[in-house]
Amino acid sequence: MSERQHPGLRVTWRRDGSLPTPLRFGLGEGDHDVAEVQDRWFGEGYVYAKVRTPEGGTYILRHDEERDAWEVTCFRAGPD
């Protein structure tokens, strides 16, 4: 299990075989557990993970393999 911190985003993850799997991430003041990895796909040098939080939010996280860095590319908040 690894934790990488980048400006504004903290991600705790593990490697499942060759795939990085996010377990928890934080944005600003809030941390989110990953309830489910719903989908994954690959881009040149990147692995994308569509994840769902227990609160119902959906986030697309991108892992840059070369820099070993994470970012949020898209999100939809869950119901209030």
C-alpha atoms as a PDB file:
ATOM      1  CA  MET A   1       0.000   0.000   0.000  1.00  0.00           C
ATOM      2  CA  SER A   2       1.312   3.456  -0.882  1.00  0.00           C
ATOM      3  CA  GLU A   3       0.239   6.988  -0.163  1.00  0.00           C
ATOM      4  CA  ARG A   4       1.143   9.715  -2.629  1.00  0.00           C
ATOM      5  CA  GLN A   5       0.507  13.366  -1.887  1.00  0.00           C
ATOM      6  CA  HIS A   6       0.253  15.902  -4.690  1.00  0.00           C
ATOM      7  CA  PRO A   7      -1.002  19.491  -4.570  1.00  0.00           C
ATOM      8  CA  GLY A   8      -4.595  19.311  -3.354  1.00  0.00           C
ATOM      9  CA  LEU A   9      -4.907  15.516  -3.705  1.00  0.00           C
ATOM     10  CA  ARG A  10      -3.835  12.669  -1.429  1.00  0.00           C
ATOM     11  CA  VAL A  11      -4.278   9.072  -2.625  1.00  0.00           C
ATOM     12  CA  THR A  12      -3.744   5.852  -0.686  1.00  0.00           C
ATOM     13  CA  TRP A  13      -3.453   2.945  -3.094  1.00  0.00           C
ATOM     14  CA  ARG A  14      -2.102  -0.549  -3.661  1.00  0.00           C
ATOM     15  CA  ARG A  15      -0.965  -2.363  -6.751  1.00  0.00           C
ATOM     16  CA  ASP A  16      -3.161  -5.290  -7.857  1.00  0.00           C
ATOM     17  CA  GLY A  17      -0.876  -7.096 -10.258  1.00  0.00           C
ATOM     18  CA  SER A  18       0.163  -4.331 -12.626  1.00  0.00           C
ATOM     19  CA  LEU A  19      -2.809  -2.046 -11.881  1.00  0.00           C
ATOM     20  CA  PRO A  20      -2.756   0.771  -9.324  1.00  0.00           C
ATOM     21  CA  THR A  21      -5.923   0.549  -7.222  1.00  0.00           C
ATOM     22  CA  PRO A  22      -7.038   3.601  -5.207  1.00  0.00           C
ATOM     23  CA  LEU A  23      -8.319   2.777  -1.705  1.00  0.00           C
ATOM     24  CA  ARG A  24      -8.841   6.270  -0.268  1.00  0.00           C
ATOM     25  CA  PHE A  25      -8.304   9.815  -1.494  1.00  0.00           C
ATOM     26  CA  GLY A  26      -8.525  13.299  -0.105  1.00  0.00           C
ATOM     27  CA  LEU A  27      -9.412  16.586  -1.736  1.00  0.00           C
ATOM     28  CA  GLY A  28      -8.882  19.725   0.289  1.00  0.00           C
ATOM     29  CA  GLU A  29     -10.652  19.258   3.619  1.00  0.00           C
ATOM     30  CA  GLY A  30     -12.416  15.944   2.930  1.00  0.00           C
ATOM     31  CA  ASP A  31     -11.215  12.363   2.654  1.00  0.00           C
ATOM     32  CA  HIS A  32     -13.144   9.712   0.740  1.00  0.00           C
ATOM     33  CA  ASP A  33     -12.993   5.937   0.994  1.00  0.00           C
ATOM     34  CA  VAL A  34     -13.335   4.027  -2.259  1.00  0.00           C
ATOM     35  CA  ALA A  35     -16.361   1.739  -1.968  1.00  0.00           C
ATOM     36  CA  GLU A  36     -15.987   0.327  -5.480  1.00  0.00           C
ATOM     37  CA  VAL A  37     -13.777   0.601  -8.534  1.00  0.00           C
ATOM     38  CA  GLN A  38     -16.467   0.640 -11.229  1.00  0.00           C
ATOM     39  CA  ASP A  39     -14.271   0.711 -14.324  1.00  0.00           C
ATOM     40  CA  ARG A  40     -10.680   1.042 -15.526  1.00  0.00           C
ATOM     41  CA  TRP A  41      -9.123   1.974 -18.813  1.00  0.00           C
ATOM     42  CA  PHE A  42      -5.725   2.882 -20.177  1.00  0.00           C
ATOM     43  CA  GLY A  43      -4.284   5.857 -21.993  1.00  0.00           C
ATOM     44  CA  GLU A  44      -0.723   6.288 -23.166  1.00  0.00           C
ATOM     45  CA  GLY A  45       1.220   6.397 -19.895  1.00  0.00           C
ATOM     46  CA  TYR A  46      -1.927   6.618 -17.754  1.00  0.00           C
ATOM     47  CA  VAL A  47      -4.336   4.313 -15.944  1.00  0.00           C
ATOM     48  CA  TYR A  48      -7.827   5.665 -15.227  1.00  0.00           C
ATOM     49  CA  ALA A  49     -10.095   4.399 -12.451  1.00  0.00           C
ATOM     50  CA  LYS A  50     -13.764   5.288 -12.115  1.00  0.00           C
ATOM     51  CA  VAL A  51     -14.545   4.967  -8.413  1.00  0.00           C
ATOM     52  CA  ARG A  52     -17.633   5.288  -6.228  1.00  0.00           C
ATOM     53  CA  THR A  53     -17.526   6.552  -2.631  1.00  0.00           C
ATOM     54  CA  PRO A  54     -19.831   5.296   0.158  1.00  0.00           C
ATOM     55  CA  GLU A  55     -21.641   8.668  -0.035  1.00  0.00           C
ATOM     56  CA  GLY A  56     -22.544   7.978  -3.674  1.00  0.00           C
ATOM     57  CA  GLY A  57     -20.022  10.291  -5.347  1.00  0.00           C
ATOM     58  CA  THR A  58     -18.377   9.177  -8.581  1.00  0.00           C
ATOM     59  CA  TYR A  59     -14.811  10.231  -9.381  1.00  0.00           C
ATOM     60  CA  ILE A  60     -12.437   9.504 -12.239  1.00  0.00           C
ATOM     61  CA  LEU A  61      -8.869   9.309 -10.962  1.00  0.00           C
ATOM     62  CA  ARG A  62      -5.898   9.238 -13.321  1.00  0.00           C
ATOM     63  CA  HIS A  63      -2.542   7.717 -12.413  1.00  0.00           C
ATOM     64  CA  ASP A  64       0.467   8.965 -14.373  1.00  0.00           C
ATOM     65  CA  GLU A  65       2.730   5.910 -14.495  1.00  0.00           C
ATOM     66  CA  GLU A  66       5.907   7.820 -15.362  1.00  0.00           C
ATOM     67  CA  ARG A  67       5.610  10.474 -12.638  1.00  0.00           C
ATOM     68  CA  ASP A  68       3.772   8.159 -10.192  1.00  0.00           C
ATOM     69  CA  ALA A  69       1.241  10.958  -9.687  1.00  0.00           C
ATOM     70  CA  TRP A  70      -2.556  11.005  -9.299  1.00  0.00           C
ATOM     71  CA  GLU A  71      -5.159  13.575 -10.307  1.00  0.00           C
ATOM     72  CA  VAL A  72      -8.935  13.864 -10.390  1.00  0.00           C
ATOM     73  CA  THR A  73     -10.116  14.344 -13.961  1.00  0.00           C
ATOM     74  CA  CYS A  74     -13.876  14.366 -13.338  1.00  0.00           C
ATOM     75  CA  PHE A  75     -16.376  13.962 -10.486  1.00  0.00           C
ATOM     76  CA  ARG A  76     -20.071  13.906  -9.723  1.00  0.00           C
ATOM     77  CA  ALA A  77     -21.134  14.466  -6.120  1.00  0.00           C
ATOM     78  CA  GLY A  78     -23.478  12.024  -4.445  1.00  0.00           C
ATOM     79  CA  PRO A  79     -26.915  12.857  -3.106  1.00  0.00           C
ATOM     80  CA  ASP A  80     -27.018  15.233  -0.132  1.00  0.00           C
END
